[in-house]
Amino acid sequence: MIRSLGPNFQIPPASLQSLVGLTILITVPIYDRIFVPLARKFTGCPSGITMLQRVGIGLFLSILNMGVSALVEGKRVKTASKHGLMDSPKAIVPMSVWWLLPQYMLSGISDVFTVVGLQELFYDQVPESMRSMGAAAHVSVLGVGSFINSALISIVQAISSRNGGEICLGDNLNRSHLHHFYWFMAGLSSLNLLVYVWIAKGFVYKKVVVEDDTN
């Protein structure tokens, strides 16, 4: 994609990941200073929304993120096909790299809800004597998710290459059907959200006992 920023500077591809971190830095204060006070007026909850609702919103945003990614990648492939670049994976597709900005921003906003919500949940809802275990469990969830994601990629690769067919997620990005993989992840994330909602409905928050020293 076109990565020019001015006449003499090209945006390094790896630096695009920093957009997620920048989005988190911008979104967290907006969440705390604007979203929470507004939500508190409607819900009466001190934190605006509950921890489980926060995680659920983040999971929904991850579905939206995969959908946006699929649409953008589909447009990129159509642009490459229009200009006869399907078999030229190293050629620059005449499409601005800033088309990728929405999906990176959605990824950051999703992390603000899901990852931070999980951290709050594991820290606040476990017994005080097990809070260190709760923090470890929070990190473990992210690690297990990364392993599962790697396994899914391997499974998709194996299934798509069976019987000598065209390999999905191959070396030629223009023919890798990455947008199909994004739609697959969107469907899987939707199923994940349904399971989460079903489990969350049975969750009982830990009761907090406040000692009253007044006479």
Protein backbone atom coordinates (compact mmCIF):
# COMPACT_ATOMS: atom_id res chain seq x y z
CA MET A 1 0.00 0.00 0.00
CA ILE A 2 1.05 3.64 -0.37
CA ARG A 3 2.95 4.51 2.81
CA SER A 4 4.29 7.92 1.81
CA LEU A 5 4.10 10.63 4.44
CA GLY A 6 5.47 13.68 2.72
CA PRO A 7 7.97 13.63 -0.17
CA ASN A 8 10.85 11.95 1.68
CA PHE A 9 9.38 9.65 4.32
CA GLN A 10 7.86 6.17 4.16
CA ILE A 11 5.90 4.85 7.14
CA PRO A 12 7.59 1.63 8.34
CA PRO A 13 5.01 -1.21 8.22
CA ALA A 14 5.89 -2.44 11.71
CA SER A 15 5.18 1.01 13.17
CA LEU A 16 1.48 0.65 12.36
CA GLN A 17 1.15 -1.53 15.46
CA SER A 18 1.94 1.56 17.54
CA LEU A 19 -1.46 2.94 16.49
CA VAL A 20 -3.04 0.44 18.90
CA GLY A 21 -1.01 1.81 21.81
CA LEU A 22 -1.70 5.42 20.85
CA THR A 23 -5.42 4.67 20.64
CA ILE A 24 -5.32 3.14 24.12
CA LEU A 25 -3.51 6.20 25.52
CA ILE A 26 -6.16 8.49 24.03
CA THR A 27 -9.18 6.32 24.85
CA VAL A 28 -8.44 5.59 28.54
CA PRO A 29 -8.79 9.23 29.72
CA ILE A 30 -11.87 9.69 27.53
CA TYR A 31 -13.35 6.55 29.09
CA ASP A 32 -12.61 7.69 32.66
CA ARG A 33 -13.50 11.37 32.29
CA ILE A 34 -16.42 11.28 29.86
CA PHE A 35 -17.88 7.80 29.38
CA VAL A 36 -17.99 6.73 33.04
CA PRO A 37 -19.74 9.91 34.35
CA LEU A 38 -22.30 9.75 31.53
CA ALA A 39 -22.97 6.05 32.01
CA ARG A 40 -23.23 6.52 35.77
CA LYS A 41 -26.20 8.87 35.29
CA PHE A 42 -28.15 6.13 33.51
CA THR A 43 -27.02 3.02 35.38
CA GLY A 44 -26.34 4.32 38.88
CA CYS A 45 -23.25 2.11 38.93
CA PRO A 46 -20.16 3.87 40.41
CA SER A 47 -17.99 2.57 37.55
CA GLY A 48 -20.59 3.47 34.91
CA ILE A 49 -20.95 -0.12 33.73
CA THR A 50 -20.09 -3.38 35.41
CA MET A 51 -16.85 -5.23 34.78
CA LEU A 52 -18.64 -7.97 32.87
CA GLN A 53 -20.44 -5.42 30.70
CA ARG A 54 -17.11 -3.75 29.98
CA VAL A 55 -15.60 -7.05 28.81
CA GLY A 56 -18.70 -7.80 26.73
CA ILE A 57 -18.52 -4.44 24.93
CA GLY A 58 -14.88 -5.12 24.15
CA LEU A 59 -15.74 -8.53 22.71
CA PHE A 60 -18.42 -6.94 20.52
CA LEU A 61 -15.90 -4.37 19.29
CA SER A 62 -13.53 -7.21 18.37
CA ILE A 63 -16.26 -8.63 16.10
CA LEU A 64 -16.68 -5.20 14.52
CA ASN A 65 -12.91 -4.98 14.14
CA MET A 66 -12.76 -8.24 12.18
CA GLY A 67 -15.63 -7.10 9.95
CA VAL A 68 -13.94 -3.79 9.16
CA SER A 69 -10.65 -5.60 8.51
CA ALA A 70 -12.39 -7.96 6.09
CA LEU A 71 -14.01 -5.09 4.17
CA VAL A 72 -10.76 -3.13 3.90
CA GLU A 73 -8.79 -6.19 2.80
CA GLY A 74 -11.49 -7.00 0.24
CA LYS A 75 -11.17 -3.49 -1.18
CA ARG A 76 -7.37 -3.81 -1.27
CA VAL A 77 -7.59 -7.09 -3.22
CA LYS A 78 -10.08 -5.57 -5.69
CA THR A 79 -7.74 -2.62 -6.19
CA ALA A 80 -4.82 -4.98 -6.82
CA SER A 81 -6.93 -6.97 -9.30
CA LYS A 82 -8.06 -3.82 -11.10
CA HIS A 83 -4.44 -2.78 -11.67
CA GLY A 84 -3.22 -6.27 -12.64
CA LEU A 85 -1.15 -6.80 -9.50
CA MET A 86 -2.61 -10.09 -8.29
CA ASP A 87 0.58 -12.02 -9.09
CA SER A 88 2.93 -9.25 -7.99
CA PRO A 89 2.90 -9.50 -4.19
CA LYS A 90 5.79 -7.05 -3.80
CA ALA A 91 4.18 -4.36 -5.95
CA ILE A 92 2.64 -1.33 -4.23
CA VAL A 93 -1.15 -1.37 -4.45
CA PRO A 94 -2.41 2.17 -5.26
CA MET A 95 -4.33 2.49 -2.03
CA SER A 96 -3.42 4.57 1.02
CA VAL A 97 -2.17 2.75 4.10
CA TRP A 98 -4.48 4.95 6.20
CA TRP A 99 -7.34 2.65 5.17
CA LEU A 100 -5.94 0.40 7.91
CA LEU A 101 -6.37 3.07 10.58
CA PRO A 102 -9.97 2.15 11.60
CA GLN A 103 -9.11 -1.48 12.37
CA TYR A 104 -6.06 -0.51 14.45
CA MET A 105 -8.15 2.02 16.36
CA LEU A 106 -10.90 -0.52 16.96
CA SER A 107 -8.29 -2.95 18.23
CA GLY A 108 -7.05 -0.36 20.75
CA ILE A 109 -10.56 0.61 21.89
CA SER A 110 -11.46 -3.06 22.24
CA ASP A 111 -8.42 -3.57 24.48
CA VAL A 112 -9.49 -0.65 26.69
CA PHE A 113 -12.76 -2.45 27.36
CA THR A 114 -11.82 -6.13 27.29
CA VAL A 115 -8.25 -6.33 28.56
CA VAL A 116 -8.63 -3.67 31.25
CA GLY A 117 -12.03 -5.12 32.18
CA LEU A 118 -10.52 -8.57 32.59
CA GLN A 119 -7.74 -7.15 34.72
CA GLU A 120 -10.27 -5.45 36.99
CA LEU A 121 -12.40 -8.59 37.16
CA PHE A 122 -9.57 -10.93 38.11
CA TYR A 123 -8.17 -8.49 40.65
CA ASP A 124 -11.42 -7.40 42.27
CA GLN A 125 -13.44 -10.60 42.30
CA VAL A 126 -10.91 -13.14 43.55
CA PRO A 127 -10.33 -13.56 47.31
CA GLU A 128 -7.76 -11.13 48.67
CA SER A 129 -5.37 -13.98 49.46
CA MET A 130 -5.43 -15.02 45.79
CA ARG A 131 -5.07 -11.62 44.07
CA SER A 132 -1.61 -12.49 42.78
CA MET A 133 -3.15 -15.61 41.23
CA GLY A 134 -5.85 -13.44 39.70
CA ALA A 135 -3.26 -11.23 38.04
CA ALA A 136 -1.48 -14.31 36.71
CA ALA A 137 -4.77 -15.73 35.41
CA HIS A 138 -5.45 -12.48 33.54
CA VAL A 139 -2.11 -12.70 31.74
CA SER A 140 -2.62 -16.43 31.13
CA VAL A 141 -5.92 -15.77 29.34
CA LEU A 142 -4.11 -13.53 26.84
CA GLY A 143 -1.36 -16.12 26.38
CA VAL A 144 -3.80 -18.97 25.78
CA GLY A 145 -5.66 -16.81 23.26
CA SER A 146 -2.42 -16.27 21.32
CA PHE A 147 -1.75 -20.01 21.23
CA ILE A 148 -5.29 -20.72 20.02
CA ASN A 149 -4.95 -18.06 17.32
CA SER A 150 -1.73 -19.66 16.07
CA ALA A 151 -3.42 -23.06 16.04
CA LEU A 152 -6.36 -21.67 14.04
CA ILE A 153 -4.00 -20.27 11.42
CA SER A 154 -2.30 -23.66 11.11
CA ILE A 155 -5.67 -25.43 10.80
CA VAL A 156 -6.86 -22.99 8.11
CA GLN A 157 -3.60 -23.49 6.24
CA ALA A 158 -3.90 -27.27 6.39
CA ILE A 159 -7.55 -27.37 5.30
CA SER A 160 -7.11 -24.88 2.45
CA SER A 161 -4.06 -26.69 1.03
CA ARG A 162 -5.70 -30.13 1.12
CA ASN A 163 -5.97 -31.92 -2.22
CA GLY A 164 -3.55 -29.51 -3.85
CA GLY A 165 -5.87 -26.52 -3.56
CA GLU A 166 -4.80 -22.91 -3.32
CA ILE A 167 -3.24 -22.18 0.06
CA CYS A 168 -5.10 -19.66 2.17
CA LEU A 169 -2.84 -17.16 3.97
CA GLY A 170 0.00 -17.96 1.58
CA ASP A 171 3.08 -15.92 0.66
CA ASN A 172 1.22 -13.95 -2.02
CA LEU A 173 -1.00 -11.65 0.04
CA ASN A 174 -3.09 -10.72 -3.00
CA ARG A 175 -4.21 -14.34 -3.39
CA SER A 176 -4.22 -15.34 0.27
CA HIS A 177 -7.96 -14.73 0.86
CA LEU A 178 -7.12 -12.90 4.06
CA HIS A 179 -10.53 -11.21 3.98
CA HIS A 180 -12.17 -14.65 4.18
CA PHE A 181 -10.07 -15.43 7.23
CA TYR A 182 -11.19 -12.15 8.81
CA TRP A 183 -14.86 -13.08 8.21
CA PHE A 184 -14.15 -16.50 9.74
CA MET A 185 -12.67 -14.79 12.81
CA ALA A 186 -15.68 -12.45 12.99
CA GLY A 187 -18.02 -15.46 13.05
CA LEU A 188 -15.87 -17.22 15.65
CA SER A 189 -15.79 -14.06 17.76
CA SER A 190 -19.58 -13.82 17.55
CA LEU A 191 -19.87 -17.36 18.86
CA ASN A 192 -17.40 -16.49 21.59
CA LEU A 193 -19.53 -13.49 22.61
CA LEU A 194 -22.68 -15.63 22.81
CA VAL A 195 -20.91 -18.14 25.07
CA TYR A 196 -19.55 -15.30 27.18
CA VAL A 197 -23.01 -13.75 27.66
CA TRP A 198 -24.44 -17.14 28.62
CA ILE A 199 -21.72 -17.66 31.25
CA ALA A 200 -21.83 -14.05 32.47
CA LYS A 201 -25.55 -14.32 33.23
CA GLY A 202 -24.75 -16.86 35.93
CA PHE A 203 -21.91 -14.88 37.48
CA VAL A 204 -22.43 -13.60 41.02
CA TYR A 205 -20.31 -10.64 42.09
CA LYS A 206 -18.39 -10.91 45.33
CA LYS A 207 -20.13 -9.09 48.16
CA VAL A 208 -18.12 -6.29 49.71
CA VAL A 209 -18.68 -5.86 53.47
CA VAL A 210 -18.19 -2.30 54.69
CA GLU A 211 -17.57 -1.90 58.40
CA ASP A 212 -19.51 0.92 60.05
CA ASP A 213 -17.67 2.45 63.01
CA THR A 214 -20.32 5.09 63.76
CA ASN A 215 -22.27 4.82 67.01
